[in-house]
Amino acid sequence: MIGSPLKHARGNHSGIQRVLLVLLAAVLLALAIALALWFHWLYLQIDRAAHTDEAAHADLICVFGAAEYNGRPSRVLRARLEHALDLYRRGMAPVILTLGGSAPGDLYSEGEVGASFLHANGVPMSAIIAETESRTTEESVQRVLAIARKNGFRTILVVSDPEHVFRIQSIFAADGVRVLASPHQPIRDDGGLEPETREIAHEMLAYTLWRAQRALSR
């Protein structure tokens, strides 16, 4: 018996749907594999940079900003500043640059608070430069480059959180500049655990968004 045209049409339609579903599943699987490989590679890069201390003699130590509370450095900012202070006392560089602007409503900037902390701990103001405008890592890198060019600083030693330094170095590298990085020791919470998972996840997302924005802007 010969089927009706309507049944043939329905059969063809169902076949096309199955093919489309298979193709969609294949695309989604390929995308999932690509994302898994990307984030695995990125995790390894962040982790390697976090455990690599490149501290060496330089012209300038740059302390990337973090939160401040009414003129006092947060625990994260204090850890960065204390590490920079140690590097300075070891003679790694003659000048420290503190970075970071202020949030809306704040009375103090991160760079200003950082400079005050260093001065209170024995660093002369002649050895401190406070940058008080930048609000993002990308902005801070651009301010460092401008200040370095203006003052003739050729070698730069960056201080920040362990998970942060890979993104910082990558942004500098995108401008053709290689900087040294010296991450501070991991901060432990009250339970003695390092908040690495949260910080690495944040950095993986931030780095991915930065790379995507660069690709789209070309």
N, C-alpha and C. Protein backbone atom coordinates (compact mmCIF):
# COMPACT_ATOMS: atom_id res chain seq x y z
N MET A 1 0.85 -1.19 0.00
CA MET A 1 0.00 0.00 0.00
C MET A 1 0.89 1.24 0.00
N ILE A 2 0.50 2.19 -0.83
CA ILE A 2 1.26 3.43 -0.93
C ILE A 2 0.74 4.39 0.12
N GLY A 3 1.66 4.96 0.96
CA GLY A 3 1.25 5.89 2.02
C GLY A 3 0.75 7.19 1.44
N SER A 4 -0.01 7.86 2.23
CA SER A 4 -0.55 9.15 1.81
C SER A 4 0.55 10.21 1.85
N PRO A 5 0.43 11.27 1.04
CA PRO A 5 1.42 12.37 1.06
C PRO A 5 1.57 12.99 2.44
N LEU A 6 0.48 13.02 3.22
CA LEU A 6 0.54 13.63 4.55
C LEU A 6 1.46 12.84 5.47
N LYS A 7 1.38 11.47 5.39
CA LYS A 7 2.23 10.64 6.23
C LYS A 7 3.69 10.79 5.84
N HIS A 8 3.96 10.89 4.53
CA HIS A 8 5.35 11.09 4.07
C HIS A 8 5.89 12.42 4.59
N ALA A 9 5.09 13.45 4.55
CA ALA A 9 5.52 14.77 5.02
C ALA A 9 5.83 14.75 6.50
N ARG A 10 4.97 14.03 7.26
CA ARG A 10 5.21 13.93 8.70
C ARG A 10 6.50 13.16 8.99
N GLY A 11 6.71 12.11 8.21
CA GLY A 11 7.93 11.32 8.40
C GLY A 11 9.18 12.13 8.11
N ASN A 12 9.15 12.88 7.01
CA ASN A 12 10.29 13.72 6.66
C ASN A 12 10.54 14.79 7.71
N HIS A 13 9.47 15.37 8.23
CA HIS A 13 9.59 16.40 9.26
C HIS A 13 10.22 15.83 10.52
N SER A 14 9.79 14.63 10.91
CA SER A 14 10.36 13.99 12.11
C SER A 14 11.82 13.67 11.91
N GLY A 15 12.19 13.24 10.70
CA GLY A 15 13.59 12.94 10.41
C GLY A 15 14.47 14.17 10.50
N ILE A 16 13.97 15.29 9.97
CA ILE A 16 14.72 16.54 10.04
C ILE A 16 14.90 16.98 11.49
N GLN A 17 13.86 16.83 12.30
CA GLN A 17 13.95 17.19 13.72
C GLN A 17 15.02 16.38 14.43
N ARG A 18 15.07 15.06 14.11
CA ARG A 18 16.06 14.20 14.75
C ARG A 18 17.48 14.62 14.36
N VAL A 19 17.68 14.95 13.10
CA VAL A 19 18.99 15.38 12.63
C VAL A 19 19.40 16.68 13.33
N LEU A 20 18.45 17.62 13.42
CA LEU A 20 18.75 18.90 14.08
C LEU A 20 19.08 18.71 15.54
N LEU A 21 18.36 17.80 16.20
CA LEU A 21 18.64 17.54 17.62
C LEU A 21 20.01 16.92 17.80
N VAL A 22 20.39 16.01 16.90
CA VAL A 22 21.72 15.40 16.98
C VAL A 22 22.80 16.45 16.77
N LEU A 23 22.59 17.31 15.78
CA LEU A 23 23.56 18.37 15.52
C LEU A 23 23.68 19.33 16.70
N LEU A 24 22.54 19.68 17.30
CA LEU A 24 22.56 20.56 18.46
C LEU A 24 23.29 19.93 19.62
N ALA A 25 23.04 18.64 19.85
CA ALA A 25 23.72 17.93 20.93
C ALA A 25 25.22 17.89 20.69
N ALA A 26 25.62 17.69 19.42
CA ALA A 26 27.05 17.63 19.09
C ALA A 26 27.71 18.99 19.32
N VAL A 27 27.01 20.07 18.94
CA VAL A 27 27.55 21.41 19.15
C VAL A 27 27.70 21.72 20.63
N LEU A 28 26.67 21.39 21.41
CA LEU A 28 26.73 21.63 22.86
C LEU A 28 27.82 20.82 23.52
N LEU A 29 28.00 19.58 23.08
CA LEU A 29 29.07 18.74 23.63
C LEU A 29 30.43 19.32 23.29
N ALA A 30 30.61 19.75 22.04
CA ALA A 30 31.89 20.34 21.65
C ALA A 30 32.17 21.61 22.44
N LEU A 31 31.12 22.42 22.65
CA LEU A 31 31.28 23.65 23.43
C LEU A 31 31.66 23.33 24.87
N ALA A 32 31.01 22.32 25.46
CA ALA A 32 31.32 21.93 26.84
C ALA A 32 32.75 21.44 26.96
N ILE A 33 33.21 20.68 25.98
CA ILE A 33 34.59 20.18 26.01
C ILE A 33 35.57 21.34 25.86
N ALA A 34 35.27 22.27 24.96
CA ALA A 34 36.15 23.42 24.76
C ALA A 34 36.25 24.27 26.02
N LEU A 35 35.11 24.50 26.67
CA LEU A 35 35.12 25.28 27.91
C LEU A 35 35.89 24.57 29.01
N ALA A 36 35.70 23.25 29.10
CA ALA A 36 36.41 22.47 30.11
C ALA A 36 37.93 22.55 29.90
N LEU A 37 38.37 22.43 28.64
CA LEU A 37 39.80 22.53 28.33
C LEU A 37 40.33 23.93 28.61
N TRP A 38 39.54 24.95 28.25
CA TRP A 38 39.95 26.34 28.49
C TRP A 38 40.15 26.61 29.98
N PHE A 39 39.16 26.25 30.77
CA PHE A 39 39.25 26.55 32.21
C PHE A 39 40.29 25.67 32.89
N HIS A 40 40.53 24.48 32.39
CA HIS A 40 41.60 23.65 32.95
C HIS A 40 42.95 24.30 32.69
N TRP A 41 43.16 24.74 31.43
CA TRP A 41 44.41 25.44 31.09
C TRP A 41 44.56 26.69 31.94
N LEU A 42 43.48 27.45 32.07
CA LEU A 42 43.53 28.71 32.81
C LEU A 42 43.83 28.47 34.28
N TYR A 43 43.23 27.46 34.86
CA TYR A 43 43.50 27.11 36.26
C TYR A 43 44.99 26.83 36.47
N LEU A 44 45.58 26.07 35.54
CA LEU A 44 46.99 25.73 35.67
C LEU A 44 47.87 26.98 35.60
N GLN A 45 47.51 27.93 34.72
CA GLN A 45 48.30 29.16 34.59
C GLN A 45 48.20 30.00 35.86
N ILE A 46 46.99 30.14 36.39
CA ILE A 46 46.79 30.93 37.61
C ILE A 46 47.51 30.29 38.79
N ASP A 47 47.40 28.98 38.89
CA ASP A 47 48.03 28.26 40.01
C ASP A 47 49.55 28.35 39.93
N ARG A 48 50.10 28.22 38.73
CA ARG A 48 51.56 28.30 38.58
C ARG A 48 52.06 29.69 38.96
N ALA A 49 51.38 30.73 38.46
CA ALA A 49 51.80 32.10 38.79
C ALA A 49 51.66 32.37 40.29
N ALA A 50 50.61 31.81 40.89
CA ALA A 50 50.36 32.03 42.32
C ALA A 50 51.48 31.47 43.19
N HIS A 51 52.16 30.45 42.68
CA HIS A 51 53.22 29.80 43.47
C HIS A 51 54.62 30.12 42.95
N THR A 52 54.72 31.19 42.16
CA THR A 52 56.02 31.60 41.62
C THR A 52 56.36 33.00 42.13
N ASP A 53 57.45 33.10 42.85
CA ASP A 53 57.91 34.39 43.35
C ASP A 53 59.10 34.84 42.51
N GLU A 54 58.91 35.91 41.74
CA GLU A 54 59.96 36.42 40.86
C GLU A 54 60.68 37.62 41.46
N ALA A 55 60.58 37.79 42.75
CA ALA A 55 61.19 38.96 43.40
C ALA A 55 62.66 39.10 43.01
N ALA A 56 62.97 40.26 42.48
CA ALA A 56 64.34 40.57 42.07
C ALA A 56 64.47 42.09 42.07
N HIS A 57 65.69 42.58 41.96
CA HIS A 57 65.91 44.02 41.98
C HIS A 57 65.22 44.69 40.79
N ALA A 58 64.51 45.76 41.08
CA ALA A 58 63.74 46.48 40.06
C ALA A 58 63.80 47.97 40.35
N ASP A 59 63.25 48.75 39.43
CA ASP A 59 63.19 50.20 39.63
C ASP A 59 62.00 50.61 40.48
N LEU A 60 60.95 49.76 40.47
CA LEU A 60 59.69 50.15 41.09
C LEU A 60 58.94 48.93 41.61
N ILE A 61 58.38 49.05 42.81
CA ILE A 61 57.45 48.05 43.35
C ILE A 61 56.05 48.62 43.20
N CYS A 62 55.15 47.86 42.60
CA CYS A 62 53.76 48.30 42.41
C CYS A 62 52.83 47.45 43.28
N VAL A 63 52.10 48.11 44.14
CA VAL A 63 51.13 47.41 45.01
C VAL A 63 49.73 47.66 44.45
N PHE A 64 49.09 46.62 43.96
CA PHE A 64 47.74 46.79 43.43
C PHE A 64 46.75 46.96 44.57
N GLY A 65 45.79 47.85 44.35
CA GLY A 65 44.87 48.24 45.41
C GLY A 65 43.85 47.18 45.76
N ALA A 66 43.29 47.33 46.95
CA ALA A 66 42.18 46.50 47.44
C ALA A 66 41.38 47.38 48.40
N ALA A 67 40.34 46.82 48.95
CA ALA A 67 39.42 47.62 49.76
C ALA A 67 40.10 48.28 50.96
N GLU A 68 39.61 49.46 51.27
CA GLU A 68 40.01 50.15 52.50
C GLU A 68 38.73 50.56 53.24
N TYR A 69 38.84 50.64 54.56
CA TYR A 69 37.68 50.96 55.38
C TYR A 69 37.95 52.20 56.22
N ASN A 70 37.41 53.33 55.76
CA ASN A 70 37.54 54.60 56.48
C ASN A 70 38.99 54.93 56.79
N GLY A 71 39.84 54.75 55.79
CA GLY A 71 41.24 55.11 55.96
C GLY A 71 42.14 54.00 56.45
N ARG A 72 41.57 52.83 56.70
CA ARG A 72 42.37 51.69 57.17
C ARG A 72 42.37 50.60 56.10
N PRO A 73 43.52 50.00 55.84
CA PRO A 73 43.55 48.95 54.82
C PRO A 73 42.79 47.71 55.27
N SER A 74 42.08 47.09 54.34
CA SER A 74 41.44 45.80 54.61
C SER A 74 42.51 44.74 54.82
N ARG A 75 42.09 43.57 55.24
CA ARG A 75 43.05 42.49 55.46
C ARG A 75 43.81 42.16 54.18
N VAL A 76 43.11 42.18 53.05
CA VAL A 76 43.75 41.87 51.77
C VAL A 76 44.76 42.96 51.40
N LEU A 77 44.35 44.22 51.51
CA LEU A 77 45.27 45.31 51.18
C LEU A 77 46.46 45.33 52.12
N ARG A 78 46.22 45.07 53.39
CA ARG A 78 47.32 45.07 54.36
C ARG A 78 48.34 43.99 54.01
N ALA A 79 47.87 42.81 53.60
CA ALA A 79 48.79 41.73 53.22
C ALA A 79 49.66 42.14 52.04
N ARG A 80 49.06 42.83 51.08
CA ARG A 80 49.82 43.30 49.92
C ARG A 80 50.86 44.34 50.36
N LEU A 81 50.43 45.27 51.19
CA LEU A 81 51.33 46.34 51.63
C LEU A 81 52.48 45.80 52.48
N GLU A 82 52.19 44.87 53.36
CA GLU A 82 53.24 44.31 54.20
C GLU A 82 54.27 43.56 53.36
N HIS A 83 53.80 42.89 52.33
CA HIS A 83 54.76 42.19 51.45
C HIS A 83 55.61 43.19 50.68
N ALA A 84 54.99 44.25 50.19
CA ALA A 84 55.74 45.30 49.49
C ALA A 84 56.75 45.95 50.43
N LEU A 85 56.34 46.16 51.67
CA LEU A 85 57.24 46.75 52.67
C LEU A 85 58.45 45.84 52.90
N ASP A 86 58.21 44.55 52.97
CA ASP A 86 59.31 43.60 53.14
C ASP A 86 60.27 43.63 51.95
N LEU A 87 59.71 43.69 50.75
CA LEU A 87 60.55 43.77 49.55
C LEU A 87 61.38 45.06 49.56
N TYR A 88 60.76 46.15 49.95
CA TYR A 88 61.46 47.44 50.01
C TYR A 88 62.61 47.37 51.02
N ARG A 89 62.34 46.81 52.19
CA ARG A 89 63.37 46.72 53.23
C ARG A 89 64.51 45.80 52.81
N ARG A 90 64.21 44.85 51.93
CA ARG A 90 65.25 43.96 51.41
C ARG A 90 66.01 44.61 50.26
N GLY A 91 65.66 45.82 49.91
CA GLY A 91 66.37 46.55 48.88
C GLY A 91 66.02 46.16 47.46
N MET A 92 64.82 45.62 47.25
CA MET A 92 64.43 45.18 45.92
C MET A 92 64.15 46.33 44.97
N ALA A 93 63.71 47.46 45.50
CA ALA A 93 63.46 48.65 44.67
C ALA A 93 63.47 49.88 45.56
N PRO A 94 63.84 51.04 45.00
CA PRO A 94 63.91 52.26 45.82
C PRO A 94 62.60 53.01 45.94
N VAL A 95 61.59 52.62 45.13
CA VAL A 95 60.33 53.35 45.11
C VAL A 95 59.17 52.36 45.13
N ILE A 96 58.11 52.72 45.87
CA ILE A 96 56.89 51.92 45.90
C ILE A 96 55.73 52.75 45.35
N LEU A 97 55.00 52.17 44.43
CA LEU A 97 53.80 52.80 43.87
C LEU A 97 52.57 52.10 44.42
N THR A 98 51.71 52.85 45.11
CA THR A 98 50.45 52.29 45.61
C THR A 98 49.32 52.69 44.66
N LEU A 99 48.48 51.72 44.33
CA LEU A 99 47.47 51.93 43.30
C LEU A 99 46.06 51.85 43.87
N GLY A 100 45.15 52.57 43.23
CA GLY A 100 43.74 52.39 43.56
C GLY A 100 43.01 53.68 43.91
N GLY A 101 41.86 53.86 43.26
CA GLY A 101 41.03 55.01 43.53
C GLY A 101 40.07 54.76 44.68
N SER A 102 39.00 55.52 44.69
CA SER A 102 38.01 55.42 45.78
C SER A 102 36.65 55.07 45.20
N ALA A 103 35.86 54.37 45.98
CA ALA A 103 34.49 54.07 45.59
C ALA A 103 33.61 55.28 45.88
N PRO A 104 32.47 55.40 45.20
CA PRO A 104 31.57 56.53 45.46
C PRO A 104 31.21 56.64 46.93
N GLY A 105 31.39 57.81 47.50
CA GLY A 105 31.08 58.02 48.90
C GLY A 105 32.23 57.83 49.85
N ASP A 106 33.33 57.21 49.38
CA ASP A 106 34.49 57.00 50.24
C ASP A 106 35.26 58.31 50.45
N LEU A 107 35.84 58.46 51.62
CA LEU A 107 36.64 59.63 51.93
C LEU A 107 38.10 59.45 51.54
N TYR A 108 38.51 58.20 51.37
CA TYR A 108 39.91 57.90 51.08
C TYR A 108 40.00 57.00 49.86
N SER A 109 41.13 57.09 49.18
CA SER A 109 41.40 56.19 48.06
C SER A 109 42.30 55.06 48.53
N GLU A 110 42.29 53.97 47.78
CA GLU A 110 43.13 52.83 48.14
C GLU A 110 44.61 53.20 48.04
N GLY A 111 44.96 53.97 47.00
CA GLY A 111 46.35 54.38 46.86
C GLY A 111 46.81 55.27 47.99
N GLU A 112 45.93 56.17 48.43
CA GLU A 112 46.25 57.07 49.54
C GLU A 112 46.42 56.30 50.84
N VAL A 113 45.54 55.36 51.10
CA VAL A 113 45.63 54.55 52.33
C VAL A 113 46.90 53.72 52.31
N GLY A 114 47.21 53.16 51.13
CA GLY A 114 48.44 52.37 51.03
C GLY A 114 49.68 53.21 51.30
N ALA A 115 49.71 54.41 50.75
CA ALA A 115 50.86 55.30 50.97
C ALA A 115 51.00 55.66 52.44
N SER A 116 49.88 55.95 53.10
CA SER A 116 49.92 56.29 54.53
C SER A 116 50.43 55.14 55.36
N PHE A 117 50.00 53.92 55.03
CA PHE A 117 50.45 52.73 55.76
C PHE A 117 51.96 52.56 55.62
N LEU A 118 52.46 52.68 54.41
CA LEU A 118 53.89 52.51 54.18
C LEU A 118 54.70 53.59 54.91
N HIS A 119 54.22 54.82 54.84
CA HIS A 119 54.93 55.92 55.51
C HIS A 119 54.93 55.71 57.02
N ALA A 120 53.81 55.24 57.57
CA ALA A 120 53.73 54.99 59.01
C ALA A 120 54.66 53.87 59.44
N ASN A 121 55.07 53.04 58.48
CA ASN A 121 55.97 51.93 58.79
C ASN A 121 57.40 52.19 58.31
N GLY A 122 57.74 53.46 58.17
CA GLY A 122 59.13 53.82 57.97
C GLY A 122 59.59 54.13 56.57
N VAL A 123 58.69 54.05 55.59
CA VAL A 123 59.10 54.38 54.22
C VAL A 123 58.96 55.89 54.02
N PRO A 124 60.03 56.58 53.63
CA PRO A 124 59.92 58.04 53.44
C PRO A 124 58.97 58.37 52.29
N MET A 125 58.30 59.50 52.39
CA MET A 125 57.36 59.90 51.35
C MET A 125 58.06 60.10 50.01
N SER A 126 59.35 60.41 50.05
CA SER A 126 60.11 60.57 48.80
C SER A 126 60.26 59.25 48.05
N ALA A 127 59.99 58.14 48.73
CA ALA A 127 60.10 56.82 48.11
C ALA A 127 58.73 56.23 47.79
N ILE A 128 57.67 57.03 47.89
CA ILE A 128 56.31 56.55 47.67
C ILE A 128 55.62 57.39 46.60
N ILE A 129 54.94 56.73 45.70
CA ILE A 129 54.06 57.39 44.73
C ILE A 129 52.67 56.82 44.94
N ALA A 130 51.69 57.68 45.15
CA ALA A 130 50.31 57.22 45.34
C ALA A 130 49.49 57.53 44.09
N GLU A 131 48.96 56.50 43.47
CA GLU A 131 48.05 56.66 42.33
C GLU A 131 46.64 56.50 42.88
N THR A 132 45.77 57.45 42.66
CA THR A 132 44.49 57.47 43.37
C THR A 132 43.27 57.53 42.44
N GLU A 133 43.41 57.13 41.18
CA GLU A 133 42.31 57.25 40.25
C GLU A 133 41.76 55.92 39.74
N SER A 134 42.60 54.91 39.58
CA SER A 134 42.19 53.66 38.93
C SER A 134 41.20 52.88 39.79
N ARG A 135 40.25 52.21 39.11
CA ARG A 135 39.24 51.43 39.80
C ARG A 135 39.23 49.96 39.40
N THR A 136 39.94 49.61 38.34
CA THR A 136 40.00 48.23 37.89
C THR A 136 41.45 47.83 37.67
N THR A 137 41.67 46.53 37.53
CA THR A 137 43.03 46.05 37.26
C THR A 137 43.55 46.62 35.95
N GLU A 138 42.69 46.66 34.93
CA GLU A 138 43.11 47.20 33.64
C GLU A 138 43.50 48.67 33.74
N GLU A 139 42.71 49.45 34.47
CA GLU A 139 43.04 50.86 34.66
C GLU A 139 44.35 51.02 35.44
N SER A 140 44.54 50.19 36.44
CA SER A 140 45.77 50.27 37.24
C SER A 140 46.99 50.00 36.38
N VAL A 141 46.90 49.00 35.51
CA VAL A 141 48.03 48.69 34.62
C VAL A 141 48.35 49.89 33.74
N GLN A 142 47.34 50.53 33.19
CA GLN A 142 47.58 51.69 32.33
C GLN A 142 48.21 52.84 33.11
N ARG A 143 47.80 53.01 34.36
CA ARG A 143 48.40 54.07 35.19
C ARG A 143 49.85 53.74 35.51
N VAL A 144 50.15 52.47 35.77
CA VAL A 144 51.53 52.07 36.03
C VAL A 144 52.40 52.37 34.82
N LEU A 145 51.91 52.03 33.64
CA LEU A 145 52.69 52.26 32.42
C LEU A 145 52.95 53.77 32.22
N ALA A 146 51.94 54.59 32.47
CA ALA A 146 52.12 56.03 32.31
C ALA A 146 53.12 56.59 33.32
N ILE A 147 53.01 56.14 34.57
CA ILE A 147 53.92 56.62 35.62
C ILE A 147 55.34 56.13 35.37
N ALA A 148 55.47 54.90 34.89
CA ALA A 148 56.79 54.36 34.60
C ALA A 148 57.46 55.13 33.47
N ARG A 149 56.71 55.44 32.43
CA ARG A 149 57.28 56.21 31.32
C ARG A 149 57.70 57.61 31.79
N LYS A 150 56.85 58.24 32.58
CA LYS A 150 57.12 59.60 33.04
C LYS A 150 58.37 59.68 33.91
N ASN A 151 58.59 58.64 34.74
CA ASN A 151 59.69 58.67 35.70
C ASN A 151 60.90 57.84 35.28
N GLY A 152 60.83 57.23 34.12
CA GLY A 152 61.97 56.46 33.63
C GLY A 152 62.17 55.12 34.31
N PHE A 153 61.10 54.56 34.89
CA PHE A 153 61.21 53.24 35.51
C PHE A 153 61.18 52.18 34.40
N ARG A 154 62.18 51.32 34.38
CA ARG A 154 62.27 50.32 33.32
C ARG A 154 61.87 48.93 33.80
N THR A 155 62.18 48.59 35.03
CA THR A 155 61.84 47.27 35.56
C THR A 155 60.83 47.43 36.69
N ILE A 156 59.78 46.60 36.65
CA ILE A 156 58.66 46.74 37.57
C ILE A 156 58.42 45.42 38.30
N LEU A 157 58.26 45.50 39.61
CA LEU A 157 57.96 44.34 40.44
C LEU A 157 56.56 44.51 41.00
N VAL A 158 55.66 43.63 40.62
CA VAL A 158 54.25 43.72 40.98
C VAL A 158 53.95 42.92 42.24
N VAL A 159 53.15 43.49 43.13
CA VAL A 159 52.70 42.81 44.34
C VAL A 159 51.18 42.77 44.36
N SER A 160 50.63 41.58 44.55
CA SER A 160 49.19 41.42 44.71
C SER A 160 48.91 40.05 45.30
N ASP A 161 47.63 39.63 45.24
CA ASP A 161 47.26 38.32 45.75
C ASP A 161 47.81 37.22 44.84
N PRO A 162 48.06 36.04 45.36
CA PRO A 162 48.60 34.95 44.54
C PRO A 162 47.77 34.67 43.28
N GLU A 163 46.44 34.64 43.44
CA GLU A 163 45.58 34.31 42.31
C GLU A 163 45.44 35.45 41.31
N HIS A 164 45.84 36.64 41.69
CA HIS A 164 45.65 37.84 40.88
C HIS A 164 46.80 38.10 39.90
N VAL A 165 47.99 37.60 40.22
CA VAL A 165 49.18 38.04 39.48
C VAL A 165 49.20 37.56 38.03
N PHE A 166 48.59 36.40 37.74
CA PHE A 166 48.59 35.93 36.35
C PHE A 166 47.84 36.91 35.45
N ARG A 167 46.68 37.38 35.90
CA ARG A 167 45.90 38.34 35.10
C ARG A 167 46.67 39.66 34.95
N ILE A 168 47.29 40.11 36.03
CA ILE A 168 48.06 41.36 35.96
C ILE A 168 49.17 41.24 34.91
N GLN A 169 49.94 40.17 34.99
CA GLN A 169 51.05 39.99 34.05
C GLN A 169 50.54 39.86 32.62
N SER A 170 49.39 39.22 32.44
CA SER A 170 48.82 39.06 31.11
C SER A 170 48.41 40.40 30.51
N ILE A 171 47.84 41.28 31.34
CA ILE A 171 47.42 42.59 30.85
C ILE A 171 48.64 43.43 30.48
N PHE A 172 49.68 43.38 31.30
CA PHE A 172 50.92 44.07 30.95
C PHE A 172 51.48 43.50 29.65
N ALA A 173 51.49 42.17 29.51
CA ALA A 173 52.05 41.54 28.32
C ALA A 173 51.29 41.94 27.07
N ALA A 174 49.98 42.17 27.20
CA ALA A 174 49.19 42.61 26.05
C ALA A 174 49.64 43.97 25.55
N ASP A 175 50.30 44.76 26.42
CA ASP A 175 50.86 46.05 26.02
C ASP A 175 52.35 45.94 25.71
N GLY A 176 52.82 44.71 25.62
CA GLY A 176 54.22 44.49 25.27
C GLY A 176 55.20 44.69 26.39
N VAL A 177 54.74 44.62 27.63
CA VAL A 177 55.60 44.86 28.79
C VAL A 177 55.64 43.62 29.67
N ARG A 178 56.83 43.16 30.00
CA ARG A 178 56.95 42.05 30.94
C ARG A 178 57.30 42.59 32.32
N VAL A 179 56.53 42.21 33.31
CA VAL A 179 56.80 42.64 34.68
C VAL A 179 57.07 41.42 35.54
N LEU A 180 57.84 41.62 36.59
CA LEU A 180 58.06 40.58 37.60
C LEU A 180 56.89 40.60 38.57
N ALA A 181 56.60 39.46 39.16
CA ALA A 181 55.50 39.38 40.14
C ALA A 181 55.97 38.68 41.40
N SER A 182 55.56 39.23 42.52
CA SER A 182 55.87 38.63 43.82
C SER A 182 54.58 38.61 44.65
N PRO A 183 53.81 37.52 44.58
CA PRO A 183 52.56 37.45 45.35
C PRO A 183 52.84 37.31 46.84
N HIS A 184 51.95 37.90 47.65
CA HIS A 184 52.10 37.73 49.10
C HIS A 184 51.65 36.33 49.50
N GLN A 185 51.95 35.95 50.72
CA GLN A 185 51.54 34.64 51.22
C GLN A 185 50.01 34.57 51.30
N PRO A 186 49.43 33.40 51.03
CA PRO A 186 47.96 33.27 51.09
C PRO A 186 47.42 33.67 52.46
N ILE A 187 46.26 34.31 52.46
CA ILE A 187 45.60 34.70 53.70
C ILE A 187 44.70 33.57 54.15
N ARG A 188 44.82 33.17 55.40
CA ARG A 188 43.98 32.10 55.92
C ARG A 188 42.81 32.70 56.71
N ASP A 189 41.66 32.05 56.58
CA ASP A 189 40.50 32.54 57.33
C ASP A 189 40.54 32.01 58.76
N ASP A 190 39.49 32.29 59.53
CA ASP A 190 39.48 31.93 60.94
C ASP A 190 39.57 30.42 61.16
N GLY A 191 39.13 29.65 60.18
CA GLY A 191 39.18 28.19 60.32
C GLY A 191 40.48 27.61 59.83
N GLY A 192 41.41 28.47 59.39
CA GLY A 192 42.69 27.98 58.92
C GLY A 192 42.66 27.53 57.48
N LEU A 193 41.62 27.85 56.74
CA LEU A 193 41.49 27.43 55.36
C LEU A 193 41.77 28.59 54.42
N GLU A 194 42.41 28.30 53.33
CA GLU A 194 42.70 29.34 52.34
C GLU A 194 41.51 29.48 51.40
N PRO A 195 41.04 30.70 51.15
CA PRO A 195 39.89 30.90 50.27
C PRO A 195 40.29 30.85 48.80
N GLU A 196 41.12 29.84 48.44
CA GLU A 196 41.65 29.78 47.08
C GLU A 196 40.56 29.53 46.05
N THR A 197 39.62 28.66 46.38
CA THR A 197 38.62 28.29 45.39
C THR A 197 37.83 29.50 44.91
N ARG A 198 37.38 30.32 45.84
CA ARG A 198 36.62 31.52 45.48
C ARG A 198 37.46 32.49 44.67
N GLU A 199 38.70 32.70 45.08
CA GLU A 199 39.56 33.65 44.40
C GLU A 199 39.94 33.17 43.00
N ILE A 200 40.24 31.88 42.87
CA ILE A 200 40.59 31.35 41.56
C ILE A 200 39.39 31.43 40.62
N ALA A 201 38.20 31.11 41.12
CA ALA A 201 37.00 31.20 40.29
C ALA A 201 36.78 32.63 39.81
N HIS A 202 36.99 33.59 40.71
CA HIS A 202 36.85 35.00 40.33
C HIS A 202 37.85 35.38 39.25
N GLU A 203 39.09 34.97 39.43
CA GLU A 203 40.14 35.32 38.47
C GLU A 203 39.92 34.63 37.12
N MET A 204 39.44 33.40 37.14
CA MET A 204 39.16 32.70 35.89
C MET A 204 38.08 33.42 35.09
N LEU A 205 37.05 33.87 35.77
CA LEU A 205 35.98 34.60 35.10
C LEU A 205 36.47 35.96 34.62
N ALA A 206 37.20 36.68 35.47
CA ALA A 206 37.69 38.01 35.10
C ALA A 206 38.65 37.94 33.92
N TYR A 207 39.53 36.95 33.93
CA TYR A 207 40.48 36.81 32.83
C TYR A 207 39.76 36.47 31.53
N THR A 208 38.79 35.56 31.61
CA THR A 208 38.03 35.16 30.42
C THR A 208 37.28 36.35 29.84
N LEU A 209 36.65 37.15 30.69
CA LEU A 209 35.93 38.33 30.21
C LEU A 209 36.88 39.34 29.58
N TRP A 210 38.06 39.51 30.17
CA TRP A 210 39.05 40.44 29.62
C TRP A 210 39.50 39.98 28.23
N ARG A 211 39.77 38.67 28.09
CA ARG A 211 40.18 38.16 26.79
C ARG A 211 39.06 38.31 25.76
N ALA A 212 37.82 38.06 26.18
CA ALA A 212 36.69 38.19 25.27
C ALA A 212 36.52 39.64 24.81
N GLN A 213 36.66 40.57 25.74
CA GLN A 213 36.53 42.00 25.39
C GLN A 213 37.62 42.43 24.43
N ARG A 214 38.84 41.93 24.63
CA ARG A 214 39.94 42.26 23.72
C ARG A 214 39.66 41.71 22.33
N ALA A 215 39.15 40.48 22.27
CA ALA A 215 38.87 39.86 20.97
C ALA A 215 37.77 40.62 20.23
N LEU A 216 36.76 41.06 20.95
CA LEU A 216 35.63 41.76 20.33
C LEU A 216 36.00 43.18 19.90
N SER A 217 36.99 43.77 20.57
CA SER A 217 37.36 45.15 20.26
C SER A 217 38.33 45.27 19.10
N ARG A 218 38.83 44.15 18.60
CA ARG A 218 39.79 44.19 17.50
C ARG A 218 39.08 44.46 16.18
